[in-house]
Amino acid sequence: MKKNPSKNRKLLKHLGLNIKFYRKKLNLTQEKLAEILDAERSYITALESGNKSPSLYFLQELSEALNVKLKDLTDIKIN
């Protein structure tokens, strides 16, 4: 399967939007979420803007911190 950088970028962008949506739903700041996850705020910013790709382990931790199922956090439709 060929890599598609444009599709990968869209995937990360949509994941970031989901992260931001669920974070805001809990009225958490990026700083507070980073504190809960023992991560840097700049990493949360990079995730939400689609500039970083989190590990599966971090995604699981993130979903727990946001009180959302991993499948809901990663529910992304890309055409």
N, C-alpha and C. Protein backbone atom coordinates (compact mmCIF):
# COMPACT_ATOMS: atom_id res chain seq x y z
N MET A 1 0.85 -1.18 0.00
CA MET A 1 0.00 0.00 0.00
C MET A 1 0.89 1.24 0.00
N LYS A 2 0.60 2.17 -0.89
CA LYS A 2 1.37 3.40 -0.98
C LYS A 2 0.98 4.36 0.14
N LYS A 3 1.98 5.09 0.62
CA LYS A 3 1.72 6.13 1.62
C LYS A 3 1.08 7.33 0.94
N ASN A 4 0.17 7.95 1.65
CA ASN A 4 -0.50 9.13 1.12
C ASN A 4 -0.36 10.25 2.16
N PRO A 5 0.67 11.09 2.02
CA PRO A 5 0.91 12.14 3.01
C PRO A 5 -0.29 13.06 3.24
N SER A 6 -1.04 13.34 2.18
CA SER A 6 -2.20 14.22 2.31
C SER A 6 -3.27 13.56 3.18
N LYS A 7 -3.50 12.29 2.96
CA LYS A 7 -4.49 11.56 3.74
C LYS A 7 -4.03 11.42 5.20
N ASN A 8 -2.75 11.17 5.40
CA ASN A 8 -2.20 11.07 6.75
C ASN A 8 -2.38 12.38 7.50
N ARG A 9 -2.13 13.48 6.82
CA ARG A 9 -2.26 14.82 7.42
C ARG A 9 -3.73 15.08 7.82
N LYS A 10 -4.65 14.70 6.93
CA LYS A 10 -6.07 14.87 7.23
C LYS A 10 -6.47 14.03 8.44
N LEU A 11 -5.96 12.81 8.50
CA LEU A 11 -6.26 11.92 9.61
C LEU A 11 -5.82 12.54 10.93
N LEU A 12 -4.59 13.04 10.97
CA LEU A 12 -4.08 13.66 12.19
C LEU A 12 -4.84 14.93 12.53
N LYS A 13 -5.23 15.69 11.54
CA LYS A 13 -6.00 16.92 11.76
C LYS A 13 -7.35 16.60 12.39
N HIS A 14 -8.03 15.58 11.88
CA HIS A 14 -9.33 15.19 12.42
C HIS A 14 -9.20 14.59 13.82
N LEU A 15 -8.14 13.82 14.05
CA LEU A 15 -7.89 13.30 15.39
C LEU A 15 -7.70 14.46 16.36
N GLY A 16 -6.93 15.45 15.95
CA GLY A 16 -6.70 16.62 16.78
C GLY A 16 -7.99 17.36 17.11
N LEU A 17 -8.87 17.46 16.13
CA LEU A 17 -10.16 18.11 16.37
C LEU A 17 -11.00 17.32 17.38
N ASN A 18 -10.95 16.00 17.28
CA ASN A 18 -11.66 15.16 18.25
C ASN A 18 -11.10 15.35 19.66
N ILE A 19 -9.79 15.37 19.78
CA ILE A 19 -9.15 15.56 21.08
C ILE A 19 -9.60 16.90 21.68
N LYS A 20 -9.53 17.93 20.87
CA LYS A 20 -9.92 19.27 21.33
C LYS A 20 -11.39 19.30 21.74
N PHE A 21 -12.26 18.68 20.94
CA PHE A 21 -13.70 18.65 21.24
C PHE A 21 -13.95 18.02 22.61
N TYR A 22 -13.38 16.84 22.84
CA TYR A 22 -13.62 16.15 24.11
C TYR A 22 -12.96 16.85 25.28
N ARG A 23 -11.80 17.49 25.05
CA ARG A 23 -11.15 18.26 26.12
C ARG A 23 -12.04 19.43 26.53
N LYS A 24 -12.53 20.15 25.55
CA LYS A 24 -13.37 21.32 25.85
C LYS A 24 -14.70 20.90 26.47
N LYS A 25 -15.20 19.74 26.07
CA LYS A 25 -16.45 19.22 26.64
C LYS A 25 -16.32 19.04 28.15
N LEU A 26 -15.10 18.72 28.60
CA LEU A 26 -14.83 18.56 30.03
C LEU A 26 -14.33 19.85 30.68
N ASN A 27 -14.33 20.93 29.92
CA ASN A 27 -13.83 22.23 30.40
C ASN A 27 -12.40 22.14 30.93
N LEU A 28 -11.57 21.39 30.21
CA LEU A 28 -10.16 21.26 30.58
C LEU A 28 -9.32 22.17 29.70
N THR A 29 -8.32 22.79 30.28
CA THR A 29 -7.35 23.52 29.48
C THR A 29 -6.32 22.52 28.95
N GLN A 30 -5.57 22.94 27.97
CA GLN A 30 -4.48 22.08 27.48
C GLN A 30 -3.50 21.81 28.61
N GLU A 31 -3.24 22.82 29.40
CA GLU A 31 -2.31 22.67 30.51
C GLU A 31 -2.79 21.63 31.52
N LYS A 32 -4.08 21.67 31.87
CA LYS A 32 -4.63 20.72 32.83
C LYS A 32 -4.61 19.31 32.27
N LEU A 33 -4.97 19.15 30.99
CA LEU A 33 -4.93 17.83 30.37
C LEU A 33 -3.50 17.30 30.35
N ALA A 34 -2.56 18.15 30.02
CA ALA A 34 -1.16 17.75 30.02
C ALA A 34 -0.72 17.30 31.42
N GLU A 35 -1.16 18.02 32.43
CA GLU A 35 -0.84 17.66 33.80
C GLU A 35 -1.41 16.29 34.16
N ILE A 36 -2.65 16.03 33.79
CA ILE A 36 -3.29 14.74 34.05
C ILE A 36 -2.52 13.61 33.39
N LEU A 37 -2.03 13.87 32.18
CA LEU A 37 -1.34 12.85 31.39
C LEU A 37 0.16 12.80 31.62
N ASP A 38 0.66 13.69 32.47
CA ASP A 38 2.10 13.81 32.70
C ASP A 38 2.82 14.04 31.37
N ALA A 39 2.31 15.01 30.62
CA ALA A 39 2.87 15.35 29.31
C ALA A 39 3.11 16.87 29.27
N GLU A 40 3.77 17.32 28.24
CA GLU A 40 3.99 18.74 28.04
C GLU A 40 2.77 19.37 27.37
N ARG A 41 2.43 20.59 27.75
CA ARG A 41 1.32 21.29 27.12
C ARG A 41 1.58 21.44 25.62
N SER A 42 2.83 21.66 25.25
CA SER A 42 3.16 21.82 23.83
C SER A 42 2.86 20.55 23.04
N TYR A 43 2.94 19.40 23.68
CA TYR A 43 2.61 18.14 23.01
C TYR A 43 1.10 18.06 22.75
N ILE A 44 0.31 18.48 23.74
CA ILE A 44 -1.15 18.51 23.57
C ILE A 44 -1.51 19.47 22.43
N THR A 45 -0.86 20.62 22.41
CA THR A 45 -1.09 21.60 21.34
C THR A 45 -0.77 20.98 19.98
N ALA A 46 0.36 20.29 19.90
CA ALA A 46 0.77 19.66 18.64
C ALA A 46 -0.21 18.56 18.21
N LEU A 47 -0.74 17.81 19.16
CA LEU A 47 -1.73 16.78 18.84
C LEU A 47 -3.00 17.42 18.30
N GLU A 48 -3.48 18.45 18.99
CA GLU A 48 -4.72 19.10 18.59
C GLU A 48 -4.61 19.80 17.24
N SER A 49 -3.43 20.22 16.88
CA SER A 49 -3.25 20.90 15.59
C SER A 49 -2.88 19.92 14.48
N GLY A 50 -2.76 18.64 14.82
CA GLY A 50 -2.45 17.62 13.82
C GLY A 50 -0.99 17.56 13.43
N ASN A 51 -0.12 18.11 14.27
CA ASN A 51 1.31 18.13 13.96
C ASN A 51 2.09 16.97 14.56
N LYS A 52 1.46 16.19 15.43
CA LYS A 52 2.11 15.03 16.04
C LYS A 52 1.18 13.83 15.94
N SER A 53 1.79 12.67 15.87
CA SER A 53 1.04 11.41 15.83
C SER A 53 1.29 10.67 17.14
N PRO A 54 0.25 10.52 17.96
CA PRO A 54 0.44 9.87 19.26
C PRO A 54 0.59 8.36 19.12
N SER A 55 1.24 7.75 20.09
CA SER A 55 1.33 6.30 20.13
C SER A 55 -0.03 5.73 20.53
N LEU A 56 -0.23 4.47 20.28
CA LEU A 56 -1.47 3.81 20.66
C LEU A 56 -1.64 3.86 22.18
N TYR A 57 -0.54 3.65 22.91
CA TYR A 57 -0.58 3.72 24.36
C TYR A 57 -1.06 5.10 24.81
N PHE A 58 -0.51 6.16 24.22
CA PHE A 58 -0.89 7.52 24.62
C PHE A 58 -2.35 7.79 24.26
N LEU A 59 -2.80 7.28 23.12
CA LEU A 59 -4.20 7.44 22.75
C LEU A 59 -5.12 6.81 23.80
N GLN A 60 -4.74 5.64 24.29
CA GLN A 60 -5.53 4.98 25.32
C GLN A 60 -5.56 5.82 26.59
N GLU A 61 -4.42 6.33 26.99
CA GLU A 61 -4.34 7.19 28.18
C GLU A 61 -5.18 8.46 27.97
N LEU A 62 -5.10 9.00 26.79
CA LEU A 62 -5.85 10.21 26.44
C LEU A 62 -7.36 9.95 26.51
N SER A 63 -7.79 8.84 25.98
CA SER A 63 -9.22 8.53 26.01
C SER A 63 -9.71 8.37 27.44
N GLU A 64 -8.90 7.76 28.29
CA GLU A 64 -9.28 7.61 29.70
C GLU A 64 -9.35 8.97 30.38
N ALA A 65 -8.38 9.82 30.11
CA ALA A 65 -8.35 11.15 30.72
C ALA A 65 -9.54 12.00 30.28
N LEU A 66 -9.99 11.78 29.04
CA LEU A 66 -11.11 12.54 28.49
C LEU A 66 -12.45 11.85 28.74
N ASN A 67 -12.39 10.70 29.40
CA ASN A 67 -13.60 9.95 29.75
C ASN A 67 -14.43 9.61 28.51
N VAL A 68 -13.73 9.11 27.48
CA VAL A 68 -14.37 8.75 26.22
C VAL A 68 -13.75 7.43 25.75
N LYS A 69 -14.54 6.63 25.06
CA LYS A 69 -14.03 5.38 24.53
C LYS A 69 -13.01 5.67 23.43
N LEU A 70 -11.97 4.84 23.37
CA LEU A 70 -10.93 5.01 22.36
C LEU A 70 -11.53 5.00 20.96
N LYS A 71 -12.50 4.14 20.72
CA LYS A 71 -13.13 4.09 19.39
C LYS A 71 -13.84 5.39 19.04
N ASP A 72 -14.38 6.09 20.04
CA ASP A 72 -15.03 7.37 19.78
C ASP A 72 -14.01 8.48 19.53
N LEU A 73 -12.91 8.42 20.26
CA LEU A 73 -11.86 9.41 20.07
C LEU A 73 -11.26 9.31 18.68
N THR A 74 -11.16 8.09 18.18
CA THR A 74 -10.51 7.87 16.88
C THR A 74 -11.51 7.66 15.74
N ASP A 75 -12.78 7.96 15.97
CA ASP A 75 -13.80 7.82 14.93
C ASP A 75 -13.64 8.95 13.92
N ILE A 76 -12.97 8.62 12.83
CA ILE A 76 -12.61 9.63 11.83
C ILE A 76 -12.98 9.10 10.44
N LYS A 77 -13.65 9.90 9.68
CA LYS A 77 -14.02 9.54 8.31
C LYS A 77 -13.23 10.42 7.35
N ILE A 78 -12.37 9.80 6.55
CA ILE A 78 -11.57 10.53 5.56
C ILE A 78 -11.90 9.96 4.18
N ASN A 79 -12.22 10.82 3.25
CA ASN A 79 -12.51 10.37 1.88
C ASN A 79 -11.27 10.39 1.04
